Protein backbone atom coordinates (compact mmCIF):
# COMPACT_ATOMS: atom_id res chain seq x y z
CA UNK A 1 92.15 -147.79 105.98
CA UNK A 2 89.32 -145.80 104.44
CA UNK A 3 90.16 -143.01 101.85
CA UNK A 4 88.39 -139.59 102.05
CA UNK A 5 86.48 -138.69 98.95
CA UNK A 6 87.75 -135.77 96.78
CA UNK A 7 85.26 -132.97 96.85
CA UNK A 8 85.03 -130.84 93.66
CA UNK A 9 85.89 -127.10 93.98
CA UNK A 10 82.58 -125.25 93.77
CA UNK A 11 84.16 -122.45 91.81
CA UNK A 12 85.73 -124.67 89.28
CA UNK A 13 84.31 -126.06 86.10
CA UNK A 14 84.48 -129.63 86.93
CA UNK A 15 87.87 -130.62 88.23
CA UNK A 16 89.93 -127.69 86.64
CA UNK A 17 91.10 -124.25 87.79
CA UNK A 18 88.59 -121.54 88.79
CA UNK A 19 86.86 -119.91 85.85
CA UNK A 20 88.12 -116.29 85.46
CA UNK A 21 85.53 -113.56 85.95
CA UNK A 22 84.79 -110.65 83.61
CA UNK A 23 87.72 -108.18 83.05
CA UNK A 24 87.76 -105.03 85.19
CA UNK A 25 86.98 -101.68 83.39
CA UNK A 26 89.41 -99.65 85.56
CA UNK A 27 93.18 -99.77 84.98
CA UNK A 28 95.37 -100.49 87.94
CA UNK A 29 96.56 -97.55 90.03
CA UNK A 30 99.97 -96.52 88.61
CA UNK A 31 100.95 -94.59 91.76
CA UNK A 32 99.24 -96.30 94.70
CA UNK A 33 101.56 -94.64 97.22
CA UNK A 34 101.10 -91.06 95.82
CA UNK A 35 104.75 -90.33 95.10
CA UNK A 36 104.13 -88.39 91.83
CA UNK A 37 102.24 -85.13 91.11
CA UNK A 38 99.37 -85.26 88.59
CA UNK A 39 100.14 -83.78 85.16
CA UNK A 40 98.80 -80.30 84.32
CA UNK A 41 96.16 -81.35 81.82
CA UNK A 42 93.40 -78.94 82.78
CA UNK A 43 91.78 -76.94 79.97
CA UNK A 44 92.80 -73.52 81.33
CA UNK A 45 96.40 -74.66 81.85
CA UNK A 46 96.68 -76.07 78.32
CA UNK A 47 95.28 -72.89 76.75
CA UNK A 48 97.73 -70.75 78.69
CA UNK A 49 100.69 -72.78 77.44
CA UNK A 50 99.45 -72.56 73.83
CA UNK A 51 99.25 -68.76 74.15
CA UNK A 52 102.77 -68.49 75.54
CA UNK A 53 104.27 -70.73 72.84
CA UNK A 54 102.39 -68.89 70.08
CA UNK A 55 103.60 -65.50 71.30
CA UNK A 56 107.18 -66.75 71.40
CA UNK A 57 106.93 -68.04 67.82
CA UNK A 58 105.54 -64.71 66.60
CA UNK A 59 108.40 -62.80 68.20
CA UNK A 60 110.94 -65.10 66.58
CA UNK A 61 109.41 -65.23 63.09
CA UNK A 62 108.21 -61.61 62.70
CA UNK A 63 111.69 -60.08 62.12
CA UNK A 64 112.32 -62.59 59.34
CA UNK A 65 109.00 -61.91 57.62
CA UNK A 66 109.25 -58.08 57.57
CA UNK A 67 112.05 -56.48 55.45
CA UNK A 68 114.18 -54.20 57.60
CA UNK A 69 115.90 -52.15 54.87
CA UNK A 70 113.38 -51.74 52.07
CA UNK A 71 114.75 -49.10 49.70
CA UNK A 72 111.28 -48.18 48.44
CA UNK A 73 110.14 -47.34 51.97
CA UNK A 74 113.24 -45.32 52.84
CA UNK A 75 112.65 -41.66 53.62
CA UNK A 76 113.62 -39.28 50.81
CA UNK A 77 116.66 -37.04 51.10
CA UNK A 78 114.97 -33.69 51.83
CA UNK A 79 116.48 -30.66 50.15
CA UNK A 80 117.02 -28.64 53.33
CA UNK A 81 119.00 -31.55 54.79
CA UNK A 82 120.94 -32.01 51.57
CA UNK A 83 121.74 -28.29 51.41
CA UNK A 84 123.01 -28.28 54.98
CA UNK A 85 125.25 -31.24 54.15
CA UNK A 86 126.50 -29.87 50.83
CA UNK A 87 126.42 -26.11 50.28
CA UNK A 88 129.46 -24.32 51.64
CA UNK A 89 127.74 -21.00 52.50
CA UNK A 90 124.49 -22.48 53.77
CA UNK A 91 125.31 -21.75 57.41
CA UNK A 92 125.72 -18.01 56.76
CA UNK A 93 122.43 -17.35 54.90
CA UNK A 94 120.30 -20.50 54.60
CA UNK A 95 117.18 -20.74 52.46
CA UNK A 96 113.96 -22.70 52.96
CA UNK A 97 113.75 -25.40 50.27
CA UNK A 98 110.85 -27.30 51.87
CA UNK A 99 108.50 -26.00 49.17
CA UNK A 100 110.41 -28.13 46.64
CA UNK A 101 110.09 -31.42 48.51
CA UNK A 102 106.74 -32.20 46.90
CA UNK A 103 108.32 -32.51 43.45
CA UNK A 104 112.09 -32.74 43.99
CA UNK A 105 114.35 -35.34 45.60
CA UNK A 106 118.03 -34.75 46.27
CA UNK A 107 120.16 -37.29 44.46
CA UNK A 108 123.50 -36.77 46.21
CA UNK A 109 125.16 -37.22 42.79
CA UNK A 110 126.41 -33.72 41.96
CA UNK A 111 129.37 -33.53 39.61
CA UNK A 112 131.46 -31.39 41.96
CA UNK A 113 131.61 -31.10 45.76
CA UNK A 114 129.66 -28.17 47.14
CA UNK A 115 126.90 -28.55 44.55
CA UNK A 116 123.40 -29.67 45.49
CA UNK A 117 121.65 -31.69 42.80
CA UNK A 118 118.01 -32.77 42.83
CA UNK A 119 115.71 -34.46 40.34
CA UNK A 120 112.33 -32.76 39.89
CA UNK A 121 109.15 -33.46 37.98
CA UNK A 122 108.60 -31.33 34.91
CA UNK A 123 105.97 -28.61 34.69
CA UNK A 124 104.73 -30.21 31.48
CA UNK A 125 104.61 -33.74 32.85
CA UNK A 126 107.46 -34.75 30.52
CA UNK A 127 110.88 -36.06 31.41
CA UNK A 128 112.19 -34.92 34.82
CA UNK A 129 114.57 -31.99 35.09
CA UNK A 130 117.71 -31.46 37.16
CA UNK A 131 117.85 -28.72 39.78
CA UNK A 132 121.36 -27.66 40.80
CA UNK A 133 122.33 -25.14 43.49
CA UNK A 134 125.67 -23.69 44.55
CA UNK A 135 126.42 -21.03 47.15
CA UNK A 136 129.37 -18.70 47.69
CA UNK A 137 130.30 -16.37 50.53
CA UNK A 138 132.29 -13.15 50.37
CA UNK A 139 130.99 -12.21 46.91
CA UNK A 140 131.82 -8.71 45.63
CA UNK A 141 131.16 -9.09 41.88
CA UNK A 142 127.79 -10.82 41.52
CA UNK A 143 127.97 -11.21 37.73
CA UNK A 144 131.42 -12.79 37.80
CA UNK A 145 130.46 -15.08 40.70
CA UNK A 146 127.25 -16.12 38.91
CA UNK A 147 129.29 -17.35 35.95
CA UNK A 148 131.60 -19.25 38.27
CA UNK A 149 128.63 -20.80 40.02
CA UNK A 150 127.14 -21.97 36.73
CA UNK A 151 130.50 -23.38 35.68
CA UNK A 152 130.65 -25.35 38.94
CA UNK A 153 127.21 -26.76 38.20
CA UNK A 154 127.83 -27.69 34.57
CA UNK A 155 131.60 -28.36 34.76
CA UNK A 156 131.86 -26.64 31.39
CA UNK A 157 133.17 -23.27 30.19
CA UNK A 158 130.20 -20.91 30.25
CA UNK A 159 132.19 -17.70 30.54
CA UNK A 160 130.46 -16.24 27.48
CA UNK A 161 126.96 -16.68 28.91
CA UNK A 162 125.66 -13.28 30.06
CA UNK A 163 123.88 -12.84 33.38
CA UNK A 164 121.66 -9.76 33.23
CA UNK A 165 119.84 -7.90 36.03
CA UNK A 166 116.16 -8.79 36.42
CA UNK A 167 113.29 -8.06 38.78
CA UNK A 168 113.42 -10.56 41.67
CA UNK A 169 109.78 -9.92 42.55
CA UNK A 170 108.69 -11.41 39.22
CA UNK A 171 110.60 -14.65 39.81
CA UNK A 172 111.30 -15.35 43.47
CA UNK A 173 108.94 -15.95 46.36
CA UNK A 174 108.02 -12.65 48.10
CA UNK A 175 109.70 -13.71 51.34
CA UNK A 176 112.97 -14.27 49.44
CA UNK A 177 112.79 -11.35 47.02
CA UNK A 178 112.46 -9.01 50.01
CA UNK A 179 115.90 -10.16 51.21
CA UNK A 180 117.56 -10.21 47.79
CA UNK A 181 120.17 -7.55 47.11
CA UNK A 182 121.09 -8.27 43.47
CA UNK A 183 119.19 -10.58 41.12
CA UNK A 184 120.59 -11.89 37.81
CA UNK A 185 119.25 -14.26 35.16
CA UNK A 186 120.81 -16.10 32.25
CA UNK A 187 119.16 -16.76 28.90
CA UNK A 188 118.16 -20.29 28.00
CA UNK A 189 121.40 -22.10 27.19
CA UNK A 190 121.78 -25.03 24.83
CA UNK A 191 124.42 -27.26 26.34
CA UNK A 192 124.74 -29.80 23.53
CA UNK A 193 122.98 -31.24 20.51
CA UNK A 194 122.84 -34.90 19.49
CA UNK A 195 125.21 -35.92 16.73
CA UNK A 196 126.04 -39.12 14.97
CA UNK A 197 129.24 -39.67 16.90
CA UNK A 198 127.62 -39.00 20.31
CA UNK A 199 124.43 -40.99 19.98
CA UNK A 200 125.65 -44.19 21.56
CA UNK A 201 123.77 -44.22 24.84
CA UNK A 202 121.27 -42.13 26.65
CA UNK A 203 122.24 -41.51 30.21
CA UNK A 204 121.54 -38.66 32.57
CA UNK A 205 120.79 -35.12 31.54
CA UNK A 206 124.44 -34.06 31.84
CA UNK A 207 126.03 -37.01 30.04
CA UNK A 208 126.56 -35.11 26.76
CA UNK A 209 128.22 -32.02 28.22
CA UNK A 210 131.56 -30.91 26.73
CA UNK A 211 134.57 -31.80 28.81
CA UNK A 212 135.86 -29.26 31.29
CA UNK A 213 138.26 -26.73 29.73
CA UNK A 214 139.96 -23.57 30.98
CA UNK A 215 138.38 -20.20 30.16
CA UNK A 216 139.96 -18.58 27.12
CA UNK A 217 141.17 -21.87 25.67
CA UNK A 218 139.86 -22.53 22.13
CA UNK A 219 137.10 -25.07 22.38
CA UNK A 220 137.69 -28.34 20.65
CA UNK A 221 134.13 -29.40 21.29
CA UNK A 222 130.76 -27.87 20.49
CA UNK A 223 130.48 -24.41 22.08
CA UNK A 224 127.69 -23.42 24.42
CA UNK A 225 124.90 -21.61 22.59
CA UNK A 226 122.25 -19.30 23.91
CA UNK A 227 119.48 -17.14 22.55
CA UNK A 228 116.37 -18.07 20.58
CA UNK A 229 116.55 -21.85 20.32
CA UNK A 230 113.68 -24.18 19.47
CA UNK A 231 113.73 -27.93 20.18
CA UNK A 232 112.36 -28.62 16.69
CA UNK A 233 115.36 -27.10 14.91
CA UNK A 234 118.08 -27.76 17.47
CA UNK A 235 117.19 -30.52 19.92
CA UNK A 236 119.55 -31.06 22.80
CA UNK A 237 119.94 -30.31 26.48
CA UNK A 238 118.94 -26.93 27.86
CA UNK A 239 119.53 -25.04 31.06
CA UNK A 240 118.53 -21.70 32.51
CA UNK A 241 119.98 -20.18 35.67
CA UNK A 242 119.36 -17.41 38.15
CA UNK A 243 121.77 -15.94 40.65
CA UNK A 244 121.03 -13.69 43.61
CA UNK A 245 122.77 -12.28 46.65
CA UNK A 246 121.27 -12.26 50.14
CA UNK A 247 121.30 -9.07 52.21
CA UNK A 248 123.85 -9.39 54.98
CA UNK A 249 127.50 -8.89 55.87
CA UNK A 250 128.64 -12.24 54.47
CA UNK A 251 127.93 -11.50 50.81
CA UNK A 252 126.31 -14.89 50.11
CA UNK A 253 125.35 -15.59 46.49
CA UNK A 254 123.19 -18.50 45.31
CA UNK A 255 123.16 -19.78 41.74
CA UNK A 256 120.23 -22.04 40.86
CA UNK A 257 120.07 -23.84 37.48
CA UNK A 258 117.36 -26.02 35.93
CA UNK A 259 118.39 -28.43 33.17
CA UNK A 260 116.28 -30.62 30.91
CA UNK A 261 115.78 -32.03 27.43
CA UNK A 262 113.02 -29.64 26.34
CA UNK A 263 113.48 -25.87 26.22
CA UNK A 264 109.85 -24.93 26.90
CA UNK A 265 109.57 -27.38 29.77
CA UNK A 266 112.82 -26.12 31.32
CA UNK A 267 111.66 -22.49 31.12
CA UNK A 268 108.28 -23.13 32.74
CA UNK A 269 109.58 -25.55 35.36
CA UNK A 270 112.43 -23.22 36.34
CA UNK A 271 110.00 -20.40 37.18
CA UNK A 272 107.91 -22.80 39.27
CA UNK A 273 110.90 -24.11 41.19
CA UNK A 274 112.45 -20.69 41.76
CA UNK A 275 109.14 -19.37 43.05
CA UNK A 276 108.89 -22.19 45.61
CA UNK A 277 112.14 -21.24 47.37
CA UNK A 278 111.50 -19.14 50.47
CA UNK A 279 113.59 -17.18 52.91
CA UNK A 280 114.61 -19.13 55.99
């Protein structure tokens, strides 16, 4: 029986498998049936998502990068606000202390309740001075009440310091002097002088004041002095005060004291501060 000859495969190299062709440049279709939606990879879509993510990050990080309670940026305690919060007779006959805000800041650290204390720049550009204010209602004896007001400011017996009548127009702002009934001034008072046993620490302007004692009790500490005092011969802490009543049925009296470490600076600065107070 004859045998048919074996014919070589024309696509084969000799008698082997077919020779593979060149590789295709296109990948196979991953979703030939179209079950899945194409990804949002367009340029406008990508940019929009970057903007949204960036805005969200800014909103989250910004509160952490900006201090919320920076003490240096806090608003100062204005004197009119401090007076309304502190002075007992302010509601009956208020003053306008806004003219002091440019050089004074209320400290909220008065020695006694009902006393407004502020720290002010000096007229001589030296150390700052203290401005203290008290108010009283129902005053009948202005001189006696002025001494009590100064005692409340200094927490020291100043019963021997004389308050004498003066011309309000020479000291106060015209708007205030026109409403002033009685105007009194004290001399420059030396509160204390440095000594060897009291030189251990320099604190605030009122740190070296004698301790509070009752009027008429013999003083065991250095007495308050007043009169012609020069810092060269008797350095210490000095204060000068004015006291005035406001026209009206309530008999409101204000006592305003300026305290500092230099007599000349206290005298000049006091006149500047007093003259900046206006009628409300």
